[in-house]
């Protein structure tokens, strides 16, 4: 069974920084992408950043230039470095490994709360 566990969320002031981590355990088949999503109250869950097994990255327009996604395949871990945080970044952040030809379902973590407020 696959388990994803996020950590690193918290309360920060506007302009501050946080680094989120997500550790995957269990048997994961294929060369898999890892994603970060976020969901604010009353809003749809949205894709924030993506990183392929080989390290290629993509970002949502709202976070380009401020967030950086990275991974350590030896540790089965993905990170999200968040700088210059804004109140609109407030959300629960989730780690995801999407379904693929060798993975019939998505894998999701439990989420970690990020609150940006003065």
N, C-alpha and C. Protein backbone atom coordinates (compact mmCIF):
# COMPACT_ATOMS: atom_id res chain seq x y z
N UNK A 1 0.84 -1.19 0.00
CA UNK A 1 0.00 0.00 0.00
C UNK A 1 0.88 1.24 0.00
N UNK A 2 0.41 2.29 -0.70
CA UNK A 2 1.15 3.54 -0.84
C UNK A 2 0.63 4.55 0.15
N UNK A 3 1.54 5.26 0.81
CA UNK A 3 1.18 6.33 1.72
C UNK A 3 2.03 7.56 1.44
N UNK A 4 1.39 8.74 1.41
CA UNK A 4 2.08 10.02 1.26
C UNK A 4 1.82 10.84 2.52
N UNK A 5 2.87 11.42 3.09
CA UNK A 5 2.75 12.20 4.31
C UNK A 5 3.41 13.55 4.10
N UNK A 6 2.60 14.63 4.19
CA UNK A 6 3.09 16.00 4.06
C UNK A 6 3.45 16.57 5.42
N UNK A 7 4.37 17.53 5.42
CA UNK A 7 4.72 18.26 6.63
C UNK A 7 5.29 19.62 6.25
N UNK A 8 5.42 20.51 7.23
CA UNK A 8 6.06 21.79 7.02
C UNK A 8 5.15 22.99 6.96
N UNK A 9 3.84 22.80 7.01
CA UNK A 9 2.92 23.92 6.99
C UNK A 9 2.94 24.69 8.29
N UNK A 10 2.27 25.85 8.28
CA UNK A 10 2.22 26.68 9.47
C UNK A 10 1.67 28.04 9.17
N UNK A 11 1.79 28.94 10.16
CA UNK A 11 1.33 30.32 10.06
C UNK A 11 2.52 31.23 9.81
N UNK A 12 2.46 32.02 8.73
CA UNK A 12 3.52 32.97 8.39
C UNK A 12 2.90 34.30 7.99
N UNK A 13 3.70 35.37 8.12
CA UNK A 13 3.27 36.70 7.69
C UNK A 13 3.47 36.87 6.19
N UNK A 14 2.72 37.77 5.56
CA UNK A 14 2.96 38.05 4.14
C UNK A 14 4.42 38.40 3.89
N UNK A 15 4.97 37.84 2.81
CA UNK A 15 6.37 38.02 2.49
C UNK A 15 7.28 36.95 3.06
N UNK A 16 6.76 36.11 3.94
CA UNK A 16 7.54 35.06 4.56
C UNK A 16 7.70 33.84 3.68
N UNK A 17 8.37 32.81 4.23
CA UNK A 17 8.69 31.60 3.49
C UNK A 17 8.36 30.36 4.30
N UNK A 18 8.05 29.28 3.60
CA UNK A 18 7.87 27.96 4.17
C UNK A 18 8.42 26.93 3.20
N UNK A 19 8.85 25.78 3.73
CA UNK A 19 9.25 24.66 2.89
C UNK A 19 8.44 23.43 3.28
N UNK A 20 7.66 22.93 2.33
CA UNK A 20 6.84 21.74 2.54
C UNK A 20 7.59 20.50 2.07
N UNK A 21 7.34 19.38 2.75
CA UNK A 21 7.92 18.09 2.37
C UNK A 21 6.81 17.06 2.25
N UNK A 22 7.01 16.08 1.38
CA UNK A 22 6.11 14.96 1.23
C UNK A 22 6.93 13.71 1.02
N UNK A 23 6.76 12.73 1.92
CA UNK A 23 7.49 11.47 1.85
C UNK A 23 6.54 10.37 1.41
N UNK A 24 6.93 9.62 0.39
CA UNK A 24 6.14 8.51 -0.13
C UNK A 24 6.72 7.19 0.36
N UNK A 25 5.83 6.27 0.74
CA UNK A 25 6.25 4.94 1.13
C UNK A 25 5.37 3.90 0.44
N UNK A 26 5.85 2.66 0.39
CA UNK A 26 5.14 1.60 -0.31
C UNK A 26 5.70 1.38 -1.71
N UNK A 27 5.06 0.50 -2.45
CA UNK A 27 5.50 0.14 -3.79
C UNK A 27 4.78 1.01 -4.81
N UNK A 28 5.54 1.82 -5.55
CA UNK A 28 5.00 2.70 -6.58
C UNK A 28 5.60 2.29 -7.92
N UNK A 29 4.76 1.84 -8.83
CA UNK A 29 5.23 1.33 -10.11
C UNK A 29 5.37 2.44 -11.15
N UNK A 30 6.38 2.30 -12.00
CA UNK A 30 6.59 3.22 -13.09
C UNK A 30 7.49 4.38 -12.73
N UNK A 31 7.81 5.19 -13.74
CA UNK A 31 8.55 6.43 -13.55
C UNK A 31 7.52 7.53 -13.36
N UNK A 32 7.31 7.94 -12.12
CA UNK A 32 6.14 8.74 -11.79
C UNK A 32 6.46 10.20 -11.53
N UNK A 33 5.51 11.03 -11.93
CA UNK A 33 5.50 12.44 -11.62
C UNK A 33 4.99 12.64 -10.18
N UNK A 34 5.43 13.70 -9.53
CA UNK A 34 4.89 14.11 -8.24
C UNK A 34 4.39 15.55 -8.34
N UNK A 35 3.24 15.80 -7.76
CA UNK A 35 2.57 17.10 -7.85
C UNK A 35 2.29 17.68 -6.47
N UNK A 36 2.19 19.01 -6.42
CA UNK A 36 1.62 19.71 -5.28
C UNK A 36 0.32 20.39 -5.73
N UNK A 37 -0.74 20.16 -4.97
CA UNK A 37 -2.03 20.84 -5.14
C UNK A 37 -2.32 21.67 -3.90
N UNK A 38 -3.28 22.58 -4.02
CA UNK A 38 -3.76 23.30 -2.85
C UNK A 38 -5.26 23.53 -2.98
N UNK A 39 -5.91 23.66 -1.83
CA UNK A 39 -7.35 23.91 -1.80
C UNK A 39 -7.66 24.90 -0.69
N UNK A 40 -8.20 26.05 -1.07
CA UNK A 40 -8.64 27.07 -0.13
C UNK A 40 -10.11 26.85 0.19
N UNK A 41 -10.59 27.36 1.34
CA UNK A 41 -11.99 27.19 1.70
C UNK A 41 -12.93 27.71 0.62
N UNK A 42 -13.91 26.88 0.24
CA UNK A 42 -14.89 27.27 -0.76
C UNK A 42 -14.40 27.26 -2.19
N UNK A 43 -13.17 26.80 -2.43
CA UNK A 43 -12.61 26.79 -3.77
C UNK A 43 -12.25 25.37 -4.20
N UNK A 44 -12.13 25.20 -5.51
CA UNK A 44 -11.74 23.92 -6.08
C UNK A 44 -10.25 23.66 -5.84
N UNK A 45 -9.90 22.40 -5.68
CA UNK A 45 -8.49 22.04 -5.56
C UNK A 45 -7.77 22.36 -6.87
N UNK A 46 -6.61 23.02 -6.78
CA UNK A 46 -5.89 23.45 -7.96
C UNK A 46 -4.45 22.93 -7.96
N UNK A 47 -3.95 22.66 -9.14
CA UNK A 47 -2.57 22.22 -9.31
C UNK A 47 -1.63 23.40 -9.15
N UNK A 48 -0.61 23.25 -8.30
CA UNK A 48 0.35 24.30 -8.01
C UNK A 48 1.65 24.09 -8.77
N UNK A 49 2.20 22.87 -8.71
CA UNK A 49 3.49 22.58 -9.32
C UNK A 49 3.61 21.09 -9.61
N UNK A 50 4.41 20.77 -10.62
CA UNK A 50 4.62 19.40 -11.07
C UNK A 50 6.10 19.16 -11.30
N UNK A 51 6.57 17.97 -10.95
CA UNK A 51 7.94 17.58 -11.26
C UNK A 51 7.95 16.13 -11.73
N UNK A 52 8.59 15.87 -12.87
CA UNK A 52 8.69 14.52 -13.40
C UNK A 52 9.77 13.74 -12.68
N UNK A 53 9.82 12.44 -12.96
CA UNK A 53 10.84 11.59 -12.35
C UNK A 53 12.24 12.09 -12.69
N UNK A 54 12.41 12.64 -13.90
CA UNK A 54 13.70 13.15 -14.33
C UNK A 54 14.00 14.58 -13.94
N UNK A 55 13.05 15.26 -13.28
CA UNK A 55 13.31 16.59 -12.75
C UNK A 55 12.76 17.75 -13.56
N UNK A 56 11.98 17.51 -14.61
CA UNK A 56 11.35 18.60 -15.34
C UNK A 56 10.19 19.17 -14.53
N UNK A 57 10.06 20.50 -14.50
CA UNK A 57 9.09 21.16 -13.64
C UNK A 57 8.14 22.05 -14.42
N UNK A 58 6.95 22.26 -13.85
CA UNK A 58 5.97 23.22 -14.34
C UNK A 58 5.25 23.83 -13.15
N UNK A 59 4.80 25.09 -13.30
CA UNK A 59 4.17 25.83 -12.22
C UNK A 59 2.91 26.53 -12.68
N UNK A 60 1.96 26.67 -11.76
CA UNK A 60 0.82 27.53 -12.01
C UNK A 60 1.29 28.98 -12.13
N UNK A 61 0.60 29.77 -12.97
CA UNK A 61 0.99 31.16 -13.16
C UNK A 61 1.03 31.94 -11.85
N UNK A 62 0.13 31.63 -10.93
CA UNK A 62 0.03 32.38 -9.69
C UNK A 62 1.25 32.23 -8.79
N UNK A 63 2.06 31.19 -8.99
CA UNK A 63 3.20 30.95 -8.10
C UNK A 63 4.54 31.01 -8.81
N UNK A 64 4.56 31.23 -10.12
CA UNK A 64 5.82 31.30 -10.86
C UNK A 64 6.70 32.41 -10.31
N UNK A 65 7.97 32.08 -10.13
CA UNK A 65 8.93 33.02 -9.59
C UNK A 65 8.98 33.07 -8.08
N UNK A 66 8.00 32.45 -7.41
CA UNK A 66 7.96 32.46 -5.95
C UNK A 66 8.13 31.07 -5.34
N UNK A 67 7.61 30.04 -6.00
CA UNK A 67 7.66 28.67 -5.49
C UNK A 67 8.64 27.84 -6.32
N UNK A 68 9.28 26.86 -5.68
CA UNK A 68 10.18 25.94 -6.35
C UNK A 68 9.88 24.51 -5.90
N UNK A 69 9.62 23.62 -6.86
CA UNK A 69 9.40 22.21 -6.55
C UNK A 69 10.69 21.44 -6.85
N UNK A 70 11.00 20.47 -6.00
CA UNK A 70 12.18 19.63 -6.20
C UNK A 70 11.89 18.25 -5.63
N UNK A 71 12.76 17.28 -5.94
CA UNK A 71 12.56 15.93 -5.42
C UNK A 71 13.90 15.26 -5.18
N UNK A 72 13.87 14.30 -4.27
CA UNK A 72 15.02 13.45 -3.97
C UNK A 72 14.53 12.03 -4.14
N UNK A 73 14.85 11.42 -5.28
CA UNK A 73 14.32 10.10 -5.58
C UNK A 73 14.84 9.03 -4.62
N UNK A 74 16.07 9.19 -4.14
CA UNK A 74 16.62 8.24 -3.19
C UNK A 74 15.84 8.22 -1.88
N UNK A 75 15.24 9.36 -1.51
CA UNK A 75 14.46 9.47 -0.29
C UNK A 75 12.95 9.40 -0.53
N UNK A 76 12.54 9.22 -1.80
CA UNK A 76 11.12 9.20 -2.17
C UNK A 76 10.39 10.42 -1.62
N UNK A 77 11.01 11.59 -1.79
CA UNK A 77 10.50 12.81 -1.19
C UNK A 77 10.41 13.92 -2.23
N UNK A 78 9.33 14.71 -2.15
CA UNK A 78 9.17 15.90 -2.96
C UNK A 78 9.03 17.10 -2.03
N UNK A 79 9.58 18.25 -2.44
CA UNK A 79 9.58 19.46 -1.64
C UNK A 79 8.91 20.59 -2.39
N UNK A 80 8.39 21.55 -1.65
CA UNK A 80 7.88 22.79 -2.22
C UNK A 80 8.40 23.95 -1.39
N UNK A 81 9.36 24.69 -1.95
CA UNK A 81 9.88 25.90 -1.31
C UNK A 81 8.99 27.07 -1.71
N UNK A 82 8.40 27.75 -0.73
CA UNK A 82 7.46 28.83 -0.97
C UNK A 82 8.04 30.12 -0.40
N UNK A 83 8.31 31.09 -1.27
CA UNK A 83 8.85 32.39 -0.88
C UNK A 83 7.86 33.49 -1.23
N UNK A 84 8.06 34.66 -0.64
CA UNK A 84 7.22 35.83 -0.91
C UNK A 84 5.74 35.49 -0.80
N UNK A 85 5.38 34.83 0.28
CA UNK A 85 4.01 34.33 0.43
C UNK A 85 3.00 35.47 0.55
N UNK A 86 1.83 35.24 -0.02
CA UNK A 86 0.73 36.19 -0.04
C UNK A 86 -0.48 35.59 0.68
N UNK A 87 -1.39 36.43 1.18
CA UNK A 87 -2.60 35.89 1.82
C UNK A 87 -3.38 34.93 0.93
N UNK A 88 -3.39 35.16 -0.37
CA UNK A 88 -4.11 34.29 -1.28
C UNK A 88 -3.46 32.91 -1.45
N UNK A 89 -2.26 32.71 -0.89
CA UNK A 89 -1.64 31.39 -0.86
C UNK A 89 -2.19 30.52 0.26
N UNK A 90 -3.00 31.08 1.14
CA UNK A 90 -3.57 30.33 2.25
C UNK A 90 -4.43 29.19 1.72
N UNK A 91 -4.12 27.96 2.15
CA UNK A 91 -4.81 26.77 1.67
C UNK A 91 -4.26 25.55 2.38
N UNK A 92 -4.94 24.43 2.21
CA UNK A 92 -4.37 23.14 2.56
C UNK A 92 -3.61 22.64 1.33
N UNK A 93 -2.35 22.28 1.52
CA UNK A 93 -1.49 21.83 0.44
C UNK A 93 -1.37 20.31 0.47
N UNK A 94 -1.57 19.68 -0.69
CA UNK A 94 -1.58 18.24 -0.81
C UNK A 94 -0.52 17.75 -1.79
N UNK A 95 0.12 16.65 -1.46
CA UNK A 95 1.02 15.94 -2.36
C UNK A 95 0.23 14.90 -3.14
N UNK A 96 0.58 14.70 -4.40
CA UNK A 96 -0.13 13.76 -5.26
C UNK A 96 0.82 13.03 -6.19
N UNK A 97 0.60 11.72 -6.36
CA UNK A 97 1.21 10.94 -7.43
C UNK A 97 0.07 10.52 -8.35
N UNK A 98 0.02 11.05 -9.57
CA UNK A 98 -1.14 10.79 -10.43
C UNK A 98 -1.17 9.37 -11.00
N UNK A 99 -2.38 8.94 -11.33
CA UNK A 99 -2.56 7.64 -11.95
C UNK A 99 -1.85 7.59 -13.30
N UNK A 100 -1.47 6.40 -13.73
CA UNK A 100 -0.82 6.20 -15.01
C UNK A 100 -1.06 4.80 -15.52
N UNK A 101 -0.31 4.41 -16.54
CA UNK A 101 -0.52 3.10 -17.15
C UNK A 101 -0.27 1.96 -16.18
N UNK A 102 0.58 2.18 -15.19
CA UNK A 102 0.88 1.16 -14.19
C UNK A 102 0.34 1.51 -12.81
N UNK A 103 -0.47 2.57 -12.70
CA UNK A 103 -1.06 3.01 -11.45
C UNK A 103 -2.52 3.34 -11.70
N UNK A 104 -3.44 2.50 -11.22
CA UNK A 104 -4.85 2.67 -11.57
C UNK A 104 -5.54 3.83 -10.87
N UNK A 105 -4.99 4.35 -9.76
CA UNK A 105 -5.61 5.43 -9.02
C UNK A 105 -4.57 6.46 -8.62
N UNK A 106 -5.03 7.69 -8.33
CA UNK A 106 -4.16 8.71 -7.75
C UNK A 106 -3.84 8.36 -6.31
N UNK A 107 -2.67 8.80 -5.85
CA UNK A 107 -2.31 8.70 -4.44
C UNK A 107 -2.23 10.11 -3.87
N UNK A 108 -2.86 10.32 -2.71
CA UNK A 108 -2.93 11.63 -2.06
C UNK A 108 -2.44 11.55 -0.62
N UNK A 109 -1.81 12.62 -0.17
CA UNK A 109 -1.49 12.77 1.23
C UNK A 109 -2.65 13.35 2.01
N UNK A 110 -2.45 13.52 3.31
CA UNK A 110 -3.51 14.04 4.18
C UNK A 110 -3.63 15.56 4.14
N UNK A 111 -2.62 16.23 3.63
CA UNK A 111 -2.60 17.68 3.53
C UNK A 111 -1.92 18.34 4.70
N UNK A 112 -1.37 19.54 4.46
CA UNK A 112 -0.78 20.35 5.51
C UNK A 112 -1.25 21.80 5.33
N UNK A 113 -1.67 22.44 6.42
CA UNK A 113 -2.27 23.76 6.37
C UNK A 113 -1.21 24.85 6.28
N UNK A 114 -1.38 25.75 5.32
CA UNK A 114 -0.55 26.95 5.19
C UNK A 114 -1.45 28.16 5.35
N UNK A 115 -1.14 29.01 6.32
CA UNK A 115 -1.91 30.23 6.56
C UNK A 115 -0.97 31.42 6.48
N UNK A 116 -1.30 32.38 5.61
CA UNK A 116 -0.50 33.59 5.42
C UNK A 116 -1.35 34.76 5.89
N UNK A 117 -0.97 35.36 7.00
CA UNK A 117 -1.78 36.41 7.60
C UNK A 117 -0.92 37.27 8.51
N UNK A 118 -1.25 38.56 8.58
CA UNK A 118 -0.61 39.47 9.51
C UNK A 118 -1.46 39.69 10.76
